[in-house]
Amino acid sequence: MTELETIERARMYLDKMAKGIDPLTDKPAAETDMINQVRISRCLFFVSDILRRVLENGGIGSKPKQKQSPKLPLEISAEQLSRFEPDPQGLTISNLVKRINALIDNEDMIPLKYTAITEWLQQMGMLKTVVNKNGNNTNRPTESGNAAGIFAVDKDGPNGPYVSVVYNAAAQQFIVDNIDAVIGIQNSKNKHEMKDQPWSAAHDECLADLYRKGVSVSEIAITLKRTNGAIRARIKKLGLV
């Protein structure tokens, strides 16, 4: 048993005792048992919460998780996209996104999100929002979506029948061929979200590379999600002028 598994087992025992349950038999302890005393119960809950935080930090002696540096906006090169191979069996949107993200070898970038694809398809008139039998909003393909290779398929799952939206090989390739439009939607949603955030080495390198390539300040600002003024100030600070 690993350290984390041992800690989790100990936390589970403490939780049960704090609730007046014998952790070995899973039966309520006698009213006269000391674990049923209020002060003991509070103490057990307190220690259990400490163990929960230890688990979240990766175990005893582990440092708390450090706040990660802000990531760069998503970009996918033509070379990366050329490695995409459509699945002839069809894919759900989540599996399609996993395959596209697997092509990106830059961990400093924000990964592609399926909501950007579905929003673009809605704008294209290929998906529409409907209310399912549970009263929740969900996406379904339109006639245009069907023509592009997007289909609603009835399936059976552990919790009963459900509808899955499947993208065939042609639909997968169609999305990949238009991925720039999808990325534009995703990146535009968080315009200037990096404002007041510290500059990382990766951001500086990206800024310098774009500036040397002659990309305009406004375009760099969109890419790095900063204001035009912030970009100009950083260009000056880095001595690129």
C-alpha atoms as a PDB file:
ATOM      1  CA  MET A   1       0.000   0.000   0.000  1.00  0.00           C
ATOM      2  CA  THR A   2       1.406   3.413  -0.986  1.00  0.00           C
ATOM      3  CA  GLU A   3       1.749   6.346   1.403  1.00  0.00           C
ATOM      4  CA  LEU A   4      -1.230   8.134  -0.171  1.00  0.00           C
ATOM      5  CA  GLU A   5      -3.367   4.994   0.065  1.00  0.00           C
ATOM      6  CA  THR A   6      -2.438   4.632   3.737  1.00  0.00           C
ATOM      7  CA  ILE A   7      -3.348   8.267   4.414  1.00  0.00           C
ATOM      8  CA  GLU A   8      -6.658   7.838   2.616  1.00  0.00           C
ATOM      9  CA  ARG A   9      -7.419   4.708   4.659  1.00  0.00           C
ATOM     10  CA  ALA A  10      -6.613   6.573   7.888  1.00  0.00           C
ATOM     11  CA  ARG A  11      -8.836   9.481   6.839  1.00  0.00           C
ATOM     12  CA  MET A  12     -11.675   7.094   6.070  1.00  0.00           C
ATOM     13  CA  TYR A  13     -11.357   5.496   9.547  1.00  0.00           C
ATOM     14  CA  LEU A  14     -11.362   8.918  11.203  1.00  0.00           C
ATOM     15  CA  ASP A  15     -14.444  10.026   9.263  1.00  0.00           C
ATOM     16  CA  LYS A  16     -16.354   6.938  10.306  1.00  0.00           C
ATOM     17  CA  MET A  17     -15.365   7.254  13.963  1.00  0.00           C
ATOM     18  CA  ALA A  18     -16.296  10.932  13.927  1.00  0.00           C
ATOM     19  CA  LYS A  19     -19.755   9.855  12.791  1.00  0.00           C
ATOM     20  CA  GLY A  20     -20.009   7.295  15.595  1.00  0.00           C
ATOM     21  CA  ILE A  21     -19.361   4.255  13.379  1.00  0.00           C
ATOM     22  CA  ASP A  22     -16.911   1.451  14.119  1.00  0.00           C
ATOM     23  CA  PRO A  23     -14.626   1.508  11.007  1.00  0.00           C
ATOM     24  CA  LEU A  24     -13.853  -2.217  11.308  1.00  0.00           C
ATOM     25  CA  THR A  25     -17.446  -3.439  11.428  1.00  0.00           C
ATOM     26  CA  ASP A  26     -19.257  -0.462   9.842  1.00  0.00           C
ATOM     27  CA  LYS A  27     -21.779  -0.697  12.676  1.00  0.00           C
ATOM     28  CA  PRO A  28     -22.812   2.175  15.008  1.00  0.00           C
ATOM     29  CA  ALA A  29     -20.668   2.303  18.137  1.00  0.00           C
ATOM     30  CA  ALA A  30     -22.277   2.109  21.573  1.00  0.00           C
ATOM     31  CA  GLU A  31     -23.564   5.410  22.928  1.00  0.00           C
ATOM     32  CA  THR A  32     -21.102   5.087  25.799  1.00  0.00           C
ATOM     33  CA  ASP A  33     -18.145   4.663  23.433  1.00  0.00           C
ATOM     34  CA  MET A  34     -15.715   7.572  23.660  1.00  0.00           C
ATOM     35  CA  ILE A  35     -15.949   8.274  19.903  1.00  0.00           C
ATOM     36  CA  ASN A  36     -19.533   9.387  20.512  1.00  0.00           C
ATOM     37  CA  GLN A  37     -18.385  12.174  22.826  1.00  0.00           C
ATOM     38  CA  VAL A  38     -18.805  15.546  21.124  1.00  0.00           C
ATOM     39  CA  ARG A  39     -15.287  16.823  21.824  1.00  0.00           C
ATOM     40  CA  ILE A  40     -13.717  13.588  20.553  1.00  0.00           C
ATOM     41  CA  SER A  41     -15.901  13.674  17.441  1.00  0.00           C
ATOM     42  CA  ARG A  42     -14.863  17.264  16.669  1.00  0.00           C
ATOM     43  CA  CYS A  43     -11.212  16.329  17.130  1.00  0.00           C
ATOM     44  CA  LEU A  44     -11.558  13.396  14.726  1.00  0.00           C
ATOM     45  CA  PHE A  45     -13.185  15.592  12.080  1.00  0.00           C
ATOM     46  CA  PHE A  46     -10.399  18.151  12.528  1.00  0.00           C
ATOM     47  CA  VAL A  47      -7.630  15.571  12.010  1.00  0.00           C
ATOM     48  CA  SER A  48      -9.508  14.069   9.046  1.00  0.00           C
ATOM     49  CA  ASP A  49      -9.578  17.479   7.365  1.00  0.00           C
ATOM     50  CA  ILE A  50      -5.827  17.849   7.883  1.00  0.00           C
ATOM     51  CA  LEU A  51      -5.253  14.477   6.193  1.00  0.00           C
ATOM     52  CA  ARG A  52      -7.490  15.599   3.318  1.00  0.00           C
ATOM     53  CA  ARG A  53      -5.245  18.608   2.751  1.00  0.00           C
ATOM     54  CA  VAL A  54      -2.160  16.394   2.959  1.00  0.00           C
ATOM     55  CA  LEU A  55      -3.645  14.217   0.212  1.00  0.00           C
ATOM     56  CA  GLU A  56      -4.362  17.263  -1.949  1.00  0.00           C
ATOM     57  CA  ASN A  57      -0.719  18.337  -1.579  1.00  0.00           C
ATOM     58  CA  GLY A  58       0.584  14.946  -2.671  1.00  0.00           C
ATOM     59  CA  GLY A  59       1.445  13.339   0.656  1.00  0.00           C
ATOM     60  CA  ILE A  60       3.501  13.909   3.785  1.00  0.00           C
ATOM     61  CA  GLY A  61       6.486  16.193   3.232  1.00  0.00           C
ATOM     62  CA  SER A  62       5.260  17.339  -0.173  1.00  0.00           C
ATOM     63  CA  LYS A  63       5.199  21.031  -0.895  1.00  0.00           C
ATOM     64  CA  PRO A  64       1.830  22.665  -1.587  1.00  0.00           C
ATOM     65  CA  LYS A  65       1.003  22.919  -5.254  1.00  0.00           C
ATOM     66  CA  GLN A  66       2.511  26.035  -6.766  1.00  0.00           C
ATOM     67  CA  LYS A  67       0.377  28.368  -8.804  1.00  0.00           C
ATOM     68  CA  GLN A  68       1.129  27.715 -12.450  1.00  0.00           C
ATOM     69  CA  SER A  69       2.239  30.458 -14.797  1.00  0.00           C
ATOM     70  CA  PRO A  70      -0.440  31.681 -17.214  1.00  0.00           C
ATOM     71  CA  LYS A  71      -0.410  29.702 -20.453  1.00  0.00           C
ATOM     72  CA  LEU A  72      -0.059  30.973 -24.003  1.00  0.00           C
ATOM     73  CA  PRO A  73      -3.037  31.185 -26.366  1.00  0.00           C
ATOM     74  CA  LEU A  74      -3.510  28.120 -28.535  1.00  0.00           C
ATOM     75  CA  GLU A  75      -1.727  27.778 -31.860  1.00  0.00           C
ATOM     76  CA  ILE A  76      -1.505  24.694 -34.081  1.00  0.00           C
ATOM     77  CA  SER A  77       0.896  24.600 -37.019  1.00  0.00           C
ATOM     78  CA  ALA A  78       0.157  23.156 -40.438  1.00  0.00           C
ATOM     79  CA  GLU A  79       2.817  20.504 -39.834  1.00  0.00           C
ATOM     80  CA  GLN A  80       1.105  19.405 -36.634  1.00  0.00           C
ATOM     81  CA  LEU A  81      -2.290  19.263 -38.344  1.00  0.00           C
ATOM     82  CA  SER A  82      -0.839  17.163 -41.172  1.00  0.00           C
ATOM     83  CA  ARG A  83      -0.320  14.352 -38.659  1.00  0.00           C
ATOM     84  CA  PHE A  84      -4.031  14.098 -37.889  1.00  0.00           C
ATOM     85  CA  GLU A  85      -5.642  10.867 -39.095  1.00  0.00           C
ATOM     86  CA  PRO A  86      -9.468  10.717 -39.079  1.00  0.00           C
ATOM     87  CA  ASP A  87     -11.010   7.715 -37.361  1.00  0.00           C
ATOM     88  CA  PRO A  88     -13.245   5.835 -39.836  1.00  0.00           C
ATOM     89  CA  GLN A  89     -15.297   4.459 -36.920  1.00  0.00           C
ATOM     90  CA  GLY A  90     -16.367   7.957 -35.892  1.00  0.00           C
ATOM     91  CA  LEU A  91     -15.516   9.993 -32.792  1.00  0.00           C
ATOM     92  CA  THR A  92     -17.367  11.918 -30.121  1.00  0.00           C
ATOM     93  CA  ILE A  93     -16.408  15.569 -29.760  1.00  0.00           C
ATOM     94  CA  SER A  94     -14.404  14.876 -26.571  1.00  0.00           C
ATOM     95  CA  ASN A  95     -12.342  12.150 -28.236  1.00  0.00           C
ATOM     96  CA  LEU A  96     -11.798  14.326 -31.304  1.00  0.00           C
ATOM     97  CA  VAL A  97     -10.466  17.128 -29.095  1.00  0.00           C
ATOM     98  CA  LYS A  98      -8.124  14.676 -27.329  1.00  0.00           C
ATOM     99  CA  ARG A  99      -6.655  13.626 -30.670  1.00  0.00           C
ATOM    100  CA  ILE A 100      -6.139  17.214 -31.796  1.00  0.00           C
ATOM    101  CA  ASN A 101      -4.544  18.209 -28.478  1.00  0.00           C
ATOM    102  CA  ALA A 102      -2.205  15.213 -28.787  1.00  0.00           C
ATOM    103  CA  LEU A 103      -0.706  16.905 -31.875  1.00  0.00           C
ATOM    104  CA  ILE A 104       0.380  19.946 -29.820  1.00  0.00           C
ATOM    105  CA  ASP A 105       3.832  19.549 -28.257  1.00  0.00           C
ATOM    106  CA  ASN A 106       3.848  22.822 -26.321  1.00  0.00           C
ATOM    107  CA  GLU A 107       2.713  22.399 -22.716  1.00  0.00           C
ATOM    108  CA  ASP A 108       2.791  26.186 -22.247  1.00  0.00           C
ATOM    109  CA  MET A 109      -0.280  26.566 -24.471  1.00  0.00           C
ATOM    110  CA  ILE A 110      -3.916  26.414 -23.470  1.00  0.00           C
ATOM    111  CA  PRO A 111      -5.322  23.156 -24.911  1.00  0.00           C
ATOM    112  CA  LEU A 112      -8.184  23.112 -27.381  1.00  0.00           C
ATOM    113  CA  LYS A 113     -11.599  22.987 -25.693  1.00  0.00           C
ATOM    114  CA  TYR A 114     -14.560  21.167 -27.213  1.00  0.00           C
ATOM    115  CA  THR A 115     -16.848  24.137 -26.494  1.00  0.00           C
ATOM    116  CA  ALA A 116     -14.932  26.190 -29.077  1.00  0.00           C
ATOM    117  CA  ILE A 117     -15.710  23.561 -31.726  1.00  0.00           C
ATOM    118  CA  THR A 118     -19.385  23.269 -30.822  1.00  0.00           C
ATOM    119  CA  GLU A 119     -19.780  27.065 -30.775  1.00  0.00           C
ATOM    120  CA  TRP A 120     -18.203  27.320 -34.242  1.00  0.00           C
ATOM    121  CA  LEU A 121     -20.463  24.541 -35.551  1.00  0.00           C
ATOM    122  CA  GLN A 122     -23.477  26.378 -34.132  1.00  0.00           C
ATOM    123  CA  GLN A 123     -22.370  29.534 -35.939  1.00  0.00           C
ATOM    124  CA  MET A 124     -22.068  27.449 -39.116  1.00  0.00           C
ATOM    125  CA  GLY A 125     -25.608  26.145 -38.598  1.00  0.00           C
ATOM    126  CA  MET A 126     -24.466  22.538 -38.186  1.00  0.00           C
ATOM    127  CA  LEU A 127     -25.368  22.164 -34.512  1.00  0.00           C
ATOM    128  CA  LYS A 128     -28.334  23.441 -32.557  1.00  0.00           C
ATOM    129  CA  THR A 129     -29.176  23.515 -28.857  1.00  0.00           C
ATOM    130  CA  VAL A 130     -32.139  21.420 -27.752  1.00  0.00           C
ATOM    131  CA  VAL A 131     -33.579  20.393 -24.394  1.00  0.00           C
ATOM    132  CA  ASN A 132     -33.249  16.651 -23.699  1.00  0.00           C
ATOM    133  CA  LYS A 133     -35.680  14.476 -21.733  1.00  0.00           C
ATOM    134  CA  ASN A 134     -33.877  15.373 -18.490  1.00  0.00           C
ATOM    135  CA  GLY A 135     -34.488  19.063 -19.057  1.00  0.00           C
ATOM    136  CA  ASN A 136     -30.826  19.829 -19.838  1.00  0.00           C
ATOM    137  CA  ASN A 137     -29.517  21.762 -22.837  1.00  0.00           C
ATOM    138  CA  THR A 138     -27.571  19.634 -25.293  1.00  0.00           C
ATOM    139  CA  ASN A 139     -26.273  19.840 -28.860  1.00  0.00           C
ATOM    140  CA  ARG A 140     -27.840  18.013 -31.800  1.00  0.00           C
ATOM    141  CA  PRO A 141     -26.835  18.100 -35.479  1.00  0.00           C
ATOM    142  CA  THR A 142     -28.990  19.981 -37.977  1.00  0.00           C
ATOM    143  CA  GLU A 143     -29.620  18.855 -41.564  1.00  0.00           C
ATOM    144  CA  SER A 144     -26.451  20.715 -42.552  1.00  0.00           C
ATOM    145  CA  GLY A 145     -24.612  18.893 -39.777  1.00  0.00           C
ATOM    146  CA  ASN A 146     -25.869  15.538 -41.040  1.00  0.00           C
ATOM    147  CA  ALA A 147     -24.686  16.444 -44.534  1.00  0.00           C
ATOM    148  CA  ALA A 148     -21.234  17.213 -43.121  1.00  0.00           C
ATOM    149  CA  GLY A 149     -21.072  13.874 -41.292  1.00  0.00           C
ATOM    150  CA  ILE A 150     -22.376  14.686 -37.808  1.00  0.00           C
ATOM    151  CA  PHE A 151     -24.996  12.273 -36.502  1.00  0.00           C
ATOM    152  CA  ALA A 152     -27.031  11.680 -33.351  1.00  0.00           C
ATOM    153  CA  VAL A 153     -26.758   7.986 -32.435  1.00  0.00           C
ATOM    154  CA  ASP A 154     -28.929   6.148 -29.912  1.00  0.00           C
ATOM    155  CA  LYS A 155     -26.859   4.079 -27.486  1.00  0.00           C
ATOM    156  CA  ASP A 156     -27.314   2.004 -24.335  1.00  0.00           C
ATOM    157  CA  GLY A 157     -25.232   2.757 -21.237  1.00  0.00           C
ATOM    158  CA  PRO A 158     -25.023   1.593 -17.603  1.00  0.00           C
ATOM    159  CA  ASN A 159     -27.677   4.169 -16.687  1.00  0.00           C
ATOM    160  CA  GLY A 160     -29.957   3.400 -19.599  1.00  0.00           C
ATOM    161  CA  PRO A 161     -30.314   4.618 -23.209  1.00  0.00           C
ATOM    162  CA  TYR A 162     -28.788   7.923 -24.288  1.00  0.00           C
ATOM    163  CA  VAL A 163     -27.989   9.903 -27.436  1.00  0.00           C
ATOM    164  CA  SER A 164     -24.380  10.358 -28.550  1.00  0.00           C
ATOM    165  CA  VAL A 165     -23.322  12.868 -31.205  1.00  0.00           C
ATOM    166  CA  VAL A 166     -20.768  11.183 -33.460  1.00  0.00           C
ATOM    167  CA  TYR A 167     -18.473  12.819 -36.031  1.00  0.00           C
ATOM    168  CA  ASN A 168     -17.503  10.611 -38.978  1.00  0.00           C
ATOM    169  CA  ALA A 169     -14.147  10.822 -40.769  1.00  0.00           C
ATOM    170  CA  ALA A 170     -15.335  13.573 -43.135  1.00  0.00           C
ATOM    171  CA  ALA A 171     -16.651  15.711 -40.256  1.00  0.00           C
ATOM    172  CA  GLN A 172     -13.425  15.231 -38.310  1.00  0.00           C
ATOM    173  CA  GLN A 173     -11.335  16.391 -41.270  1.00  0.00           C
ATOM    174  CA  PHE A 174     -13.702  19.311 -41.899  1.00  0.00           C
ATOM    175  CA  ILE A 175     -13.131  20.577 -38.351  1.00  0.00           C
ATOM    176  CA  VAL A 176      -9.360  20.104 -38.601  1.00  0.00           C
ATOM    177  CA  ASP A 177      -9.298  21.979 -41.933  1.00  0.00           C
ATOM    178  CA  ASN A 178     -11.081  24.905 -40.275  1.00  0.00           C
ATOM    179  CA  ILE A 179      -9.306  24.754 -36.928  1.00  0.00           C
ATOM    180  CA  ASP A 180      -8.053  28.360 -37.271  1.00  0.00           C
ATOM    181  CA  ALA A 181     -11.642  29.609 -37.042  1.00  0.00           C
ATOM    182  CA  VAL A 182     -12.226  27.408 -33.991  1.00  0.00           C
ATOM    183  CA  ILE A 183      -9.055  28.650 -32.316  1.00  0.00           C
ATOM    184  CA  GLY A 184     -10.076  32.233 -33.068  1.00  0.00           C
ATOM    185  CA  ILE A 185     -13.308  31.708 -31.123  1.00  0.00           C
ATOM    186  CA  GLN A 186     -11.483  30.150 -28.186  1.00  0.00           C
ATOM    187  CA  ASN A 187      -8.791  32.824 -27.970  1.00  0.00           C
ATOM    188  CA  SER A 188     -11.196  35.743 -28.440  1.00  0.00           C
ATOM    189  CA  LYS A 189     -13.261  34.673 -25.430  1.00  0.00           C
ATOM    190  CA  ASN A 190     -10.390  35.498 -23.130  1.00  0.00           C
ATOM    191  CA  LYS A 191      -9.129  38.676 -24.771  1.00  0.00           C
ATOM    192  CA  HIS A 192      -6.839  40.625 -22.446  1.00  0.00           C
ATOM    193  CA  GLU A 193      -7.190  37.938 -19.749  1.00  0.00           C
ATOM    194  CA  MET A 194      -3.414  38.192 -19.212  1.00  0.00           C
ATOM    195  CA  LYS A 195      -3.732  41.847 -18.198  1.00  0.00           C
ATOM    196  CA  ASP A 196      -1.839  42.535 -14.951  1.00  0.00           C
ATOM    197  CA  GLN A 197      -0.383  38.988 -15.032  1.00  0.00           C
ATOM    198  CA  PRO A 198       3.423  38.659 -14.725  1.00  0.00           C
ATOM    199  CA  TRP A 199       5.377  38.045 -17.915  1.00  0.00           C
ATOM    200  CA  SER A 200       6.946  34.588 -18.198  1.00  0.00           C
ATOM    201  CA  ALA A 201      10.001  33.645 -20.263  1.00  0.00           C
ATOM    202  CA  ALA A 202       7.741  31.809 -22.699  1.00  0.00           C
ATOM    203  CA  HIS A 203       5.610  34.921 -23.232  1.00  0.00           C
ATOM    204  CA  ASP A 204       8.688  37.080 -23.776  1.00  0.00           C
ATOM    205  CA  GLU A 205      10.064  34.622 -26.330  1.00  0.00           C
ATOM    206  CA  CYS A 206       6.754  34.564 -28.167  1.00  0.00           C
ATOM    207  CA  LEU A 207       6.560  38.359 -28.175  1.00  0.00           C
ATOM    208  CA  ALA A 208      10.117  38.718 -29.474  1.00  0.00           C
ATOM    209  CA  ASP A 209       9.570  36.126 -32.195  1.00  0.00           C
ATOM    210  CA  LEU A 210       6.352  37.730 -33.440  1.00  0.00           C
ATOM    211  CA  TYR A 211       7.839  41.239 -33.327  1.00  0.00           C
ATOM    212  CA  ARG A 212      10.922  40.190 -35.339  1.00  0.00           C
ATOM    213  CA  LYS A 213       8.621  38.597 -37.911  1.00  0.00           C
ATOM    214  CA  GLY A 214       6.927  41.953 -38.436  1.00  0.00           C
ATOM    215  CA  VAL A 215       3.617  41.074 -36.784  1.00  0.00           C
ATOM    216  CA  SER A 216       1.689  44.203 -35.790  1.00  0.00           C
ATOM    217  CA  VAL A 217       1.312  45.258 -32.160  1.00  0.00           C
ATOM    218  CA  SER A 218      -2.445  44.731 -32.289  1.00  0.00           C
ATOM    219  CA  GLU A 219      -2.040  41.175 -33.615  1.00  0.00           C
ATOM    220  CA  ILE A 220       0.559  40.379 -30.949  1.00  0.00           C
ATOM    221  CA  ALA A 221      -1.816  41.760 -28.330  1.00  0.00           C
ATOM    222  CA  ILE A 222      -4.567  39.411 -29.521  1.00  0.00           C
ATOM    223  CA  THR A 223      -2.199  36.435 -29.509  1.00  0.00           C
ATOM    224  CA  LEU A 224      -0.842  37.118 -26.020  1.00  0.00           C
ATOM    225  CA  LYS A 225      -4.164  38.409 -24.648  1.00  0.00           C
ATOM    226  CA  ARG A 226      -2.669  41.730 -23.568  1.00  0.00           C
ATOM    227  CA  THR A 227      -3.505  45.330 -24.332  1.00  0.00           C
ATOM    228  CA  ASN A 228      -1.694  47.200 -27.113  1.00  0.00           C
ATOM    229  CA  GLY A 229      -0.086  49.454 -24.504  1.00  0.00           C
ATOM    230  CA  ALA A 230       1.227  46.463 -22.548  1.00  0.00           C
ATOM    231  CA  ILE A 231       2.785  45.019 -25.701  1.00  0.00           C
ATOM    232  CA  ARG A 232       4.488  48.299 -26.622  1.00  0.00           C
ATOM    233  CA  ALA A 233       5.849  48.658 -23.073  1.00  0.00           C
ATOM    234  CA  ARG A 234       7.195  45.122 -23.085  1.00  0.00           C
ATOM    235  CA  ILE A 235       8.817  45.568 -26.502  1.00  0.00           C
ATOM    236  CA  LYS A 236      10.639  48.603 -25.140  1.00  0.00           C
ATOM    237  CA  LYS A 237      11.616  46.819 -21.906  1.00  0.00           C
ATOM    238  CA  LEU A 238      13.066  43.879 -23.854  1.00  0.00           C
ATOM    239  CA  GLY A 239      15.112  46.249 -26.015  1.00  0.00           C
ATOM    240  CA  LEU A 240      13.471  45.127 -29.239  1.00  0.00           C
ATOM    241  CA  VAL A 241      12.947  48.648 -30.555  1.00  0.00           C
END
